[in-house]
Protein backbone atom coordinates (compact mmCIF):
# COMPACT_ATOMS: atom_id res chain seq x y z
CA MET A 1 7.52 -10.62 -8.42
CA THR A 2 6.02 -7.62 -10.18
CA PRO A 3 6.09 -4.28 -8.35
CA LEU A 4 2.90 -2.93 -6.79
CA ARG A 5 1.61 0.38 -8.11
CA ILE A 6 -0.71 1.97 -5.59
CA ALA A 7 -1.91 5.57 -5.33
CA GLY A 8 0.57 6.61 -7.99
CA VAL A 9 3.56 5.10 -6.16
CA GLU A 10 5.49 2.00 -7.21
CA LEU A 11 6.42 -0.36 -4.39
CA ALA A 12 8.68 -3.40 -4.54
CA SER A 13 7.19 -4.77 -1.31
CA ARG A 14 3.59 -5.92 -0.88
CA PHE A 15 3.87 -6.00 2.90
CA PHE A 16 2.32 -3.12 4.88
CA LEU A 17 3.40 -3.25 8.52
CA GLY A 18 1.78 -1.76 11.61
CA THR A 19 3.85 -0.19 14.37
CA ALA A 20 1.92 -0.71 17.63
CA GLY A 21 2.86 -2.93 20.56
CA TYR A 22 6.54 -3.65 19.89
CA PRO A 23 8.84 -4.28 22.87
CA SER A 24 10.98 -1.24 22.00
CA PRO A 25 11.64 1.28 19.22
CA GLN A 26 14.81 -0.65 18.39
CA VAL A 27 12.89 -3.89 17.84
CA LEU A 28 10.40 -1.99 15.69
CA GLN A 29 13.21 -0.62 13.53
CA GLN A 30 14.72 -4.07 13.14
CA ALA A 31 11.31 -5.58 12.30
CA ILE A 32 10.69 -2.97 9.60
CA ALA A 33 14.08 -3.76 8.08
CA ALA A 34 13.47 -7.52 8.22
CA SER A 35 10.00 -7.17 6.68
CA GLY A 36 11.20 -5.18 3.70
CA ALA A 37 8.01 -3.13 4.09
CA GLN A 38 7.95 0.18 2.27
CA VAL A 39 4.71 1.31 3.91
CA VAL A 40 4.18 1.40 7.69
CA THR A 41 1.05 2.50 9.52
CA VAL A 42 0.71 4.48 12.72
CA GLY A 43 -2.34 5.35 14.83
CA LEU A 44 -2.26 9.09 15.41
CA LYS A 45 -4.31 8.83 18.60
CA ARG A 46 -1.74 6.42 20.03
CA GLN A 47 1.12 8.71 19.11
CA LEU A 48 -0.53 11.74 20.70
CA ALA A 49 -1.14 9.77 23.90
CA ALA A 50 2.33 8.22 24.07
CA ALA A 51 5.44 9.70 25.59
CA GLY A 52 7.45 11.63 23.03
CA SER A 53 6.13 13.54 20.05
CA PRO A 54 4.75 12.35 16.72
CA GLY A 55 7.86 13.97 15.24
CA ASP A 56 10.04 11.45 17.10
CA PHE A 57 8.13 8.60 15.54
CA TYR A 58 8.29 10.20 12.11
CA THR A 59 12.07 10.38 12.44
CA LEU A 60 12.22 6.67 13.28
CA VAL A 61 10.13 5.77 10.23
CA ARG A 62 12.02 8.11 7.95
CA GLU A 63 15.30 6.49 8.96
CA SER A 64 13.85 3.11 7.93
CA GLY A 65 13.15 4.43 4.44
CA ALA A 66 9.47 3.39 4.65
CA ARG A 67 6.52 5.54 3.67
CA LEU A 68 4.18 6.55 6.49
CA LEU A 69 0.48 5.72 6.34
CA PRO A 70 -1.26 7.39 9.31
CA ASN A 71 -4.54 5.87 10.41
CA THR A 72 -7.64 7.07 12.23
CA ALA A 73 -7.85 4.05 14.56
CA GLY A 74 -10.14 4.67 17.51
CA CYS A 75 -12.53 7.02 15.71
CA ARG A 76 -16.25 6.40 16.10
CA SER A 77 -17.69 8.99 13.70
CA ALA A 78 -16.98 10.49 10.31
CA ARG A 79 -16.47 13.91 11.87
CA GLU A 80 -13.87 12.61 14.31
CA ALA A 81 -12.03 10.69 11.57
CA VAL A 82 -11.93 13.69 9.23
CA THR A 83 -10.51 15.91 11.98
CA LEU A 84 -7.82 13.37 12.82
CA ALA A 85 -6.92 12.90 9.15
CA HIS A 86 -6.29 16.63 8.78
CA MET A 87 -4.09 16.57 11.89
CA ALA A 88 -2.12 13.67 10.42
CA ARG A 89 -1.56 15.54 7.17
CA GLU A 90 -0.17 18.52 9.07
CA LEU A 91 2.05 16.45 11.37
CA PHE A 92 3.42 13.96 8.87
CA SER A 93 3.22 15.89 5.58
CA THR A 94 1.34 13.14 3.75
CA HIS A 95 -2.05 13.07 2.04
CA TRP A 96 -2.26 9.29 2.48
CA ILE A 97 -4.66 8.20 5.22
CA LYS A 98 -5.81 4.79 6.38
CA LEU A 99 -9.41 5.53 7.23
CA GLU A 100 -10.94 3.62 10.13
CA VAL A 101 -14.37 4.37 11.61
CA VAL A 102 -15.43 1.69 14.08
CA GLY A 103 -19.10 0.86 14.42
CA ASP A 104 -19.06 -1.94 16.99
CA GLU A 105 -17.00 -2.08 20.16
CA TYR A 106 -16.93 -5.88 20.38
CA THR A 107 -15.90 -6.78 16.83
CA LEU A 108 -14.32 -3.42 15.93
CA GLN A 109 -16.12 -3.80 12.62
CA PRO A 110 -16.17 -0.71 10.39
CA ASP A 111 -19.29 1.44 10.33
CA PRO A 112 -20.08 1.44 6.58
CA PHE A 113 -22.23 4.58 6.73
CA GLU A 114 -19.82 6.76 8.71
CA LEU A 115 -16.92 5.36 6.68
CA LEU A 116 -18.58 6.37 3.42
CA GLU A 117 -19.38 9.86 4.71
CA ALA A 118 -15.81 10.39 5.89
CA THR A 119 -14.45 9.07 2.59
CA ARG A 120 -16.47 11.54 0.54
CA GLN A 121 -15.26 14.46 2.65
CA LEU A 122 -11.60 13.43 2.67
CA VAL A 123 -11.50 12.79 -1.09
CA ARG A 124 -12.90 16.31 -1.59
CA ASP A 125 -10.15 17.56 0.71
CA GLY A 126 -7.42 15.99 -1.44
CA PHE A 127 -6.62 12.84 0.56
CA GLU A 128 -5.69 9.46 -0.85
CA VAL A 129 -8.03 7.32 1.23
CA PHE A 130 -7.14 3.74 2.18
CA PRO A 131 -10.43 2.59 3.78
CA TYR A 132 -10.52 -0.26 6.26
CA CYS A 133 -13.82 -1.81 5.21
CA THR A 134 -15.87 -4.99 5.29
CA ASP A 135 -15.68 -7.61 2.55
CA ASP A 136 -19.18 -6.69 1.32
CA LEU A 137 -19.07 -6.07 -2.44
CA VAL A 138 -21.78 -3.38 -2.51
CA SER A 139 -20.16 -1.39 0.32
CA CYS A 140 -16.84 -1.60 -1.50
CA GLN A 141 -18.40 -0.37 -4.73
CA ARG A 142 -19.87 2.62 -2.89
CA LEU A 143 -16.42 3.51 -1.55
CA LEU A 144 -15.02 3.37 -5.07
CA ASP A 145 -17.84 5.61 -6.28
CA ALA A 146 -16.89 8.08 -3.52
CA GLY A 147 -13.36 8.35 -4.90
CA CYS A 148 -11.32 5.59 -3.28
CA ARG A 149 -8.67 4.01 -5.48
CA ILE A 150 -7.68 1.35 -2.92
CA LEU A 151 -9.75 -0.95 -0.71
CA MET A 152 -8.66 -2.67 2.50
CA PRO A 153 -11.19 -5.34 3.50
CA GLY A 154 -10.65 -7.17 6.77
CA GLY A 155 -9.83 -10.85 6.87
CA ALA A 156 -11.07 -11.25 10.47
CA PRO A 157 -11.65 -9.00 13.51
CA ILE A 158 -8.74 -6.67 14.29
CA GLY A 159 -6.03 -8.35 16.36
CA SER A 160 -7.82 -11.70 16.45
CA GLY A 161 -5.29 -13.71 14.43
CA GLN A 162 -8.10 -15.83 12.97
CA GLY A 163 -6.94 -15.56 9.37
CA LEU A 164 -9.33 -15.27 6.42
CA LEU A 165 -12.77 -16.11 7.78
CA ASN A 166 -14.63 -15.57 4.52
CA PRO A 167 -12.35 -16.38 1.57
CA THR A 168 -15.38 -16.69 -0.69
CA ALA A 169 -16.27 -13.01 -0.19
CA LEU A 170 -12.65 -11.99 -0.72
CA ARG A 171 -12.47 -14.09 -3.88
CA THR A 172 -15.62 -12.37 -5.12
CA LEU A 173 -14.10 -8.94 -4.53
CA ARG A 174 -11.03 -9.92 -6.52
CA ALA A 175 -13.12 -11.27 -9.39
CA ARG A 176 -15.52 -8.31 -9.55
CA LEU A 177 -12.92 -5.58 -9.01
CA PRO A 178 -9.97 -6.83 -11.08
CA GLU A 179 -8.33 -3.43 -11.58
CA VAL A 180 -8.64 -2.15 -8.00
CA PRO A 181 -5.69 -2.57 -5.61
CA LEU A 182 -6.97 -4.77 -2.77
CA VAL A 183 -5.15 -5.10 0.56
CA VAL A 184 -6.21 -7.61 3.22
CA ASP A 185 -6.19 -5.70 6.49
CA ALA A 186 -6.81 -7.14 9.97
CA GLY A 187 -7.06 -10.62 11.43
CA ILE A 188 -3.92 -12.12 9.90
CA GLY A 189 -2.38 -14.53 12.42
CA SER A 190 0.46 -16.38 10.68
CA PRO A 191 2.42 -16.33 7.42
CA ARG A 192 0.08 -19.07 6.20
CA ASP A 193 -2.79 -16.55 6.25
CA ALA A 194 -0.72 -14.06 4.29
CA VAL A 195 0.11 -16.71 1.68
CA HIS A 196 -3.61 -17.50 1.41
CA ALA A 197 -4.48 -13.85 0.82
CA MET A 198 -1.85 -13.46 -1.87
CA GLU A 199 -2.87 -16.70 -3.59
CA LEU A 200 -6.40 -15.28 -3.82
CA GLY A 201 -4.92 -12.52 -5.95
CA PHE A 202 -4.83 -9.73 -3.39
CA ASP A 203 -2.25 -7.06 -4.01
CA ALA A 204 -0.84 -6.68 -0.50
CA VAL A 205 -1.30 -7.59 3.15
CA LEU A 206 -1.38 -5.24 6.14
CA LEU A 207 -0.82 -6.60 9.63
CA ASN A 208 0.53 -5.60 13.02
CA SER A 209 -0.25 -7.88 15.97
CA ALA A 210 1.01 -11.08 14.36
CA VAL A 211 4.50 -9.60 14.24
CA ALA A 212 4.50 -7.30 17.28
CA GLN A 213 3.08 -9.94 19.65
CA SER A 214 5.25 -12.81 18.50
CA ARG A 215 8.12 -14.12 20.61
CA ASP A 216 10.64 -12.77 18.08
CA PRO A 217 9.13 -9.87 16.05
CA VAL A 218 12.19 -9.52 13.82
CA ALA A 219 12.17 -13.19 12.78
CA MET A 220 8.38 -13.15 12.35
CA ALA A 221 8.59 -10.06 10.14
CA ARG A 222 10.99 -11.91 7.88
CA ALA A 223 8.73 -14.98 7.86
CA PHE A 224 5.81 -12.85 6.70
CA ARG A 225 7.98 -11.20 4.07
CA LEU A 226 8.85 -14.61 2.60
CA GLY A 227 5.23 -15.80 2.81
CA ILE A 228 3.87 -12.74 1.03
CA GLU A 229 6.49 -13.02 -1.68
CA SER A 230 5.85 -16.73 -2.24
CA GLY A 231 2.07 -16.29 -2.31
CA ARG A 232 2.31 -13.51 -4.87
CA LEU A 233 4.74 -15.47 -7.03
CA ALA A 234 2.37 -18.45 -6.93
CA TRP A 235 -0.53 -16.25 -8.05
CA GLU A 236 1.49 -14.79 -10.90
CA ALA A 237 2.74 -18.24 -11.95
CA GLY A 238 -0.79 -19.66 -12.06
CA ILE A 239 -1.93 -22.12 -9.41
CA MET A 240 -3.17 -25.44 -10.78
CA ALA A 241 -6.90 -26.14 -10.69
CA ARG A 242 -8.16 -28.54 -8.05
CA GLN A 243 -9.52 -31.88 -9.29
CA GLU A 244 -12.31 -34.01 -7.88
CA MET A 245 -10.28 -37.21 -8.26
CA ALA A 246 -6.74 -38.43 -8.77
CA VAL A 247 -5.02 -37.49 -12.01
CA PRO A 248 -1.81 -39.40 -12.84
CA THR A 249 1.20 -37.14 -13.13
CA THR A 250 2.85 -39.57 -15.55
CA PRO A 251 0.20 -40.92 -17.96
CA VAL A 252 0.94 -44.38 -19.34
CA THR A 253 -0.17 -45.61 -22.76
CA GLY A 254 0.10 -49.07 -24.34
CA ARG A 255 1.67 -52.02 -22.59
CA PRO A 256 3.64 -51.59 -19.40
CA PHE A 257 7.36 -52.29 -19.51
CA VAL A 258 8.40 -55.82 -18.61
CA LEU A 259 11.46 -55.85 -16.37
């Protein structure tokens, strides 16, 4: 499997793992190790509200060897997201930010207008913006125009576990933006969904709930690791085209053998 080069960093793993909702910090550490993930995300609002300091969490992640990707989960406006991103840069010493600006409370769908405004400001401020966005091609192109070098379209509503609801739109993004790193973010429910995303040609998968809420997060993290690796290898190897009818795998010419 070829390494992933994203935001100027080369990664052996194409699995980005979230850190919310685990039974304990110990299980989280073990899940990170089992996943092989080199990038883990953390919601800064959650860390500020939780017992302990963001520094404690940073120590846990640093010990895992993974790179931290703070996110602005819970923000409802560009102004709020920009403020939180600057706090994250100060606390965690990283210019990477997963930008989330929610526009609808029921679906938690991104607000494309506030997201674009926040992106423009953060790019000017020197951030590497990883935007959680819709799978709409035009919206994605606007984010690229604003300075994004990575896009993170959702597969389904956050935490829903529904998988890839609109593979046609995702396939279109891959075809129209062949040089842009694309990460499926949100809605992944099982390793099968991760395999699907990778077989569509996406560069990585980001998920949280499917691992954290499983009966055995450590085993599930490993299952996703294997699924992501197999899906990527299949994409690189070249998946056979589907046929409308049966095609014999062993063509026969001339007379059949008489036994």
